[in-house]
Protein backbone atom coordinates (compact mmCIF):
# COMPACT_ATOMS: atom_id res chain seq x y z
CA UNK A 1 31.75 -7.99 50.16
CA UNK A 2 30.73 -4.37 49.60
CA UNK A 3 31.42 -4.80 45.89
CA UNK A 4 29.31 -7.97 45.86
CA UNK A 5 26.41 -6.14 47.48
CA UNK A 6 26.78 -3.24 45.05
CA UNK A 7 26.48 -5.74 42.19
CA UNK A 8 30.05 -5.30 40.98
CA UNK A 9 31.04 -8.97 40.74
CA UNK A 10 34.18 -8.47 38.64
CA UNK A 11 35.61 -5.92 41.07
CA UNK A 12 34.63 -8.11 44.02
CA UNK A 13 36.31 -11.14 42.43
CA UNK A 14 39.47 -9.11 41.77
CA UNK A 15 39.61 -7.81 45.35
CA UNK A 16 38.95 -11.22 46.90
CA UNK A 17 41.61 -12.88 44.74
CA UNK A 18 44.07 -10.16 45.68
CA UNK A 19 43.27 -10.67 49.35
CA UNK A 20 43.81 -14.44 48.93
CA UNK A 21 47.24 -13.76 47.45
CA UNK A 22 48.04 -11.82 50.63
CA UNK A 23 46.63 -14.49 52.97
CA UNK A 24 46.10 -17.85 51.25
CA UNK A 25 44.95 -19.49 54.48
CA UNK A 26 41.95 -17.23 55.12
CA UNK A 27 38.90 -19.49 54.92
CA UNK A 28 36.44 -16.61 54.82
CA UNK A 29 37.98 -15.37 51.57
CA UNK A 30 37.52 -18.78 49.93
CA UNK A 31 33.94 -18.92 51.16
CA UNK A 32 33.23 -15.39 49.89
CA UNK A 33 34.71 -16.16 46.48
CA UNK A 34 32.72 -19.38 46.28
CA UNK A 35 29.52 -17.50 47.12
CA UNK A 36 30.29 -14.93 44.43
CA UNK A 37 30.92 -17.65 41.86
CA UNK A 38 27.72 -19.43 42.86
CA UNK A 39 25.70 -16.21 42.54
CA UNK A 40 27.14 -15.74 39.07
CA UNK A 41 26.19 -19.29 38.05
CA UNK A 42 29.70 -20.68 38.28
CA UNK A 43 28.97 -23.79 40.32
CA UNK A 44 32.12 -25.57 39.14
CA UNK A 45 34.24 -22.56 40.11
CA UNK A 46 32.43 -22.35 43.46
CA UNK A 47 33.13 -26.02 44.15
CA UNK A 48 36.79 -25.59 43.23
CA UNK A 49 37.10 -22.54 45.47
CA UNK A 50 35.62 -24.38 48.45
CA UNK A 51 37.90 -27.36 47.82
CA UNK A 52 40.90 -25.04 47.74
CA UNK A 53 39.62 -23.50 50.96
CA UNK A 54 39.42 -26.80 52.83
CA UNK A 55 42.89 -27.67 51.53
CA UNK A 56 44.25 -24.35 52.83
CA UNK A 57 42.24 -24.28 56.06
CA UNK A 58 41.32 -27.91 56.84
CA UNK A 59 39.97 -27.14 60.32
CA UNK A 60 37.43 -24.59 59.10
CA UNK A 61 34.03 -26.09 59.88
CA UNK A 62 32.23 -23.44 57.84
CA UNK A 63 34.10 -24.35 54.65
CA UNK A 64 33.30 -28.05 55.07
CA UNK A 65 29.67 -27.21 55.73
CA UNK A 66 29.54 -24.85 52.73
CA UNK A 67 30.91 -27.61 50.53
CA UNK A 68 28.17 -29.90 51.76
CA UNK A 69 25.50 -27.27 51.16
CA UNK A 70 26.70 -26.75 47.59
CA UNK A 71 26.61 -30.49 46.87
CA UNK A 72 23.13 -30.71 48.41
CA UNK A 73 21.88 -27.84 46.26
CA UNK A 74 23.08 -29.80 43.26
CA UNK A 75 21.15 -32.86 44.47
CA UNK A 76 24.38 -34.70 45.24
CA UNK A 77 23.37 -35.84 48.72
CA UNK A 78 25.73 -38.82 48.85
CA UNK A 79 28.64 -36.49 48.10
CA UNK A 80 27.43 -33.99 50.69
CA UNK A 81 27.28 -36.46 53.59
CA UNK A 82 31.02 -36.88 54.20
CA UNK A 83 31.47 -33.11 53.99
CA UNK A 84 28.86 -32.51 56.69
CA UNK A 85 30.37 -35.39 58.68
CA UNK A 86 33.75 -33.66 58.57
CA UNK A 87 32.15 -30.42 59.77
CA UNK A 88 30.50 -32.16 62.74
CA UNK A 89 33.73 -34.01 63.48
CA UNK A 90 35.51 -30.66 63.72
CA UNK A 91 32.71 -29.05 65.77
CA UNK A 92 30.20 -31.37 67.38
CA UNK A 93 28.05 -28.33 68.24
CA UNK A 94 27.65 -27.14 64.64
CA UNK A 95 23.89 -27.53 64.51
CA UNK A 96 23.57 -26.51 60.85
CA UNK A 97 25.77 -29.40 59.74
CA UNK A 98 23.88 -31.94 61.86
CA UNK A 99 20.59 -30.64 60.42
CA UNK A 100 21.93 -30.67 56.87
CA UNK A 101 23.12 -34.26 57.35
CA UNK A 102 19.61 -35.14 58.47
CA UNK A 103 18.05 -33.53 55.42
CA UNK A 104 20.53 -35.24 53.07
CA UNK A 105 19.93 -38.64 54.67
CA UNK A 106 16.17 -38.19 54.40
CA UNK A 107 16.53 -37.30 50.71
CA UNK A 108 18.43 -40.59 50.29
CA UNK A 109 15.63 -42.51 52.02
CA UNK A 110 17.73 -43.22 55.11
CA UNK A 111 15.13 -41.94 57.54
CA UNK A 112 16.34 -43.66 60.73
CA UNK A 113 19.82 -42.21 60.27
CA UNK A 114 18.25 -38.85 59.42
CA UNK A 115 16.32 -38.92 62.69
CA UNK A 116 19.59 -39.55 64.56
CA UNK A 117 21.16 -36.52 62.90
CA UNK A 118 18.19 -34.32 63.79
CA UNK A 119 18.45 -35.56 67.39
CA UNK A 120 22.16 -34.64 67.38
CA UNK A 121 21.26 -31.20 66.04
CA UNK A 122 18.71 -30.71 68.82
CA UNK A 123 21.28 -31.83 71.38
CA UNK A 124 23.73 -29.29 69.95
CA UNK A 125 21.12 -26.52 70.10
CA UNK A 126 17.72 -27.29 71.61
CA UNK A 127 16.50 -23.83 70.58
CA UNK A 128 17.16 -24.26 66.85
CA UNK A 129 13.76 -23.54 65.34
CA UNK A 130 14.87 -24.50 61.79
CA UNK A 131 15.99 -27.90 63.07
CA UNK A 132 12.76 -28.48 64.94
CA UNK A 133 10.79 -27.55 61.82
CA UNK A 134 12.87 -29.76 59.50
CA UNK A 135 12.61 -32.71 61.87
CA UNK A 136 8.90 -32.10 62.32
CA UNK A 137 8.37 -32.08 58.56
CA UNK A 138 10.23 -35.36 58.21
CA UNK A 139 8.16 -36.90 61.01
CA UNK A 140 4.96 -35.66 59.37
CA UNK A 141 5.98 -37.18 56.02
CA UNK A 142 6.62 -40.46 57.85
CA UNK A 143 3.15 -40.35 59.38
CA UNK A 144 4.43 -39.71 62.91
CA UNK A 145 1.83 -37.06 63.59
CA UNK A 146 2.27 -36.84 67.37
CA UNK A 147 6.03 -36.44 67.08
CA UNK A 148 5.64 -33.85 64.31
CA UNK A 149 3.07 -31.93 66.34
CA UNK A 150 5.38 -31.91 69.38
CA UNK A 151 8.35 -30.67 67.34
CA UNK A 152 6.28 -27.94 65.69
CA UNK A 153 4.89 -26.87 69.08
CA UNK A 154 8.42 -26.56 70.52
CA UNK A 155 9.50 -24.53 67.51
CA UNK A 156 6.48 -22.26 67.73
CA UNK A 157 7.03 -21.73 71.45
CA UNK A 158 10.66 -20.76 70.84
CA UNK A 159 9.78 -18.55 67.90
CA UNK A 160 7.12 -16.59 69.80
C-alpha cells in the first residue's frame, strides 16, 4: 500500500503478488491488487483479481461488494446486482451494499425495488448520510418532494 501511495505501481504489484503467494486466502490482498489494477486502467485484470478473491475467500463481504462496485462503474448494473446481493446475504448490516443495490436498481429503472434497498440500508444504519442523500435524490427525481426533503433534512441534521 505504501508503494501504491508513493506511485510505484510495479513494486506494489510485485509485493502484493508475493504476499498472495504466502497467503492465498487473504481477501485484503486481492482487493488491494484489484484497486492497483483499476488505478492503472486494467479493469479486466481488476475484475479477474476480485473474482479470484471471492473464490479464495467466499465469505468476504468486502470482496463481493468491490466486485459489484467495479461492475457498476462499468455501467453493468445487472451484473452488479447479484454481487451486492451476495454481500448483503453475508452481512445484512453492510449498508454500502444495500445502498449500491438501490443505486443499481434505480439505474435499471426498477425504482420500487430500489426504494426497498434504500430502506434496508437505512435500517442497517439510520445514520448513513450517503444513503439518506442517495435515497433523497432518487425520491426527488421521482417527484416525491416531501419524501426527498425529509431525507435531506435527516442527512443534514446528522452531518451537522
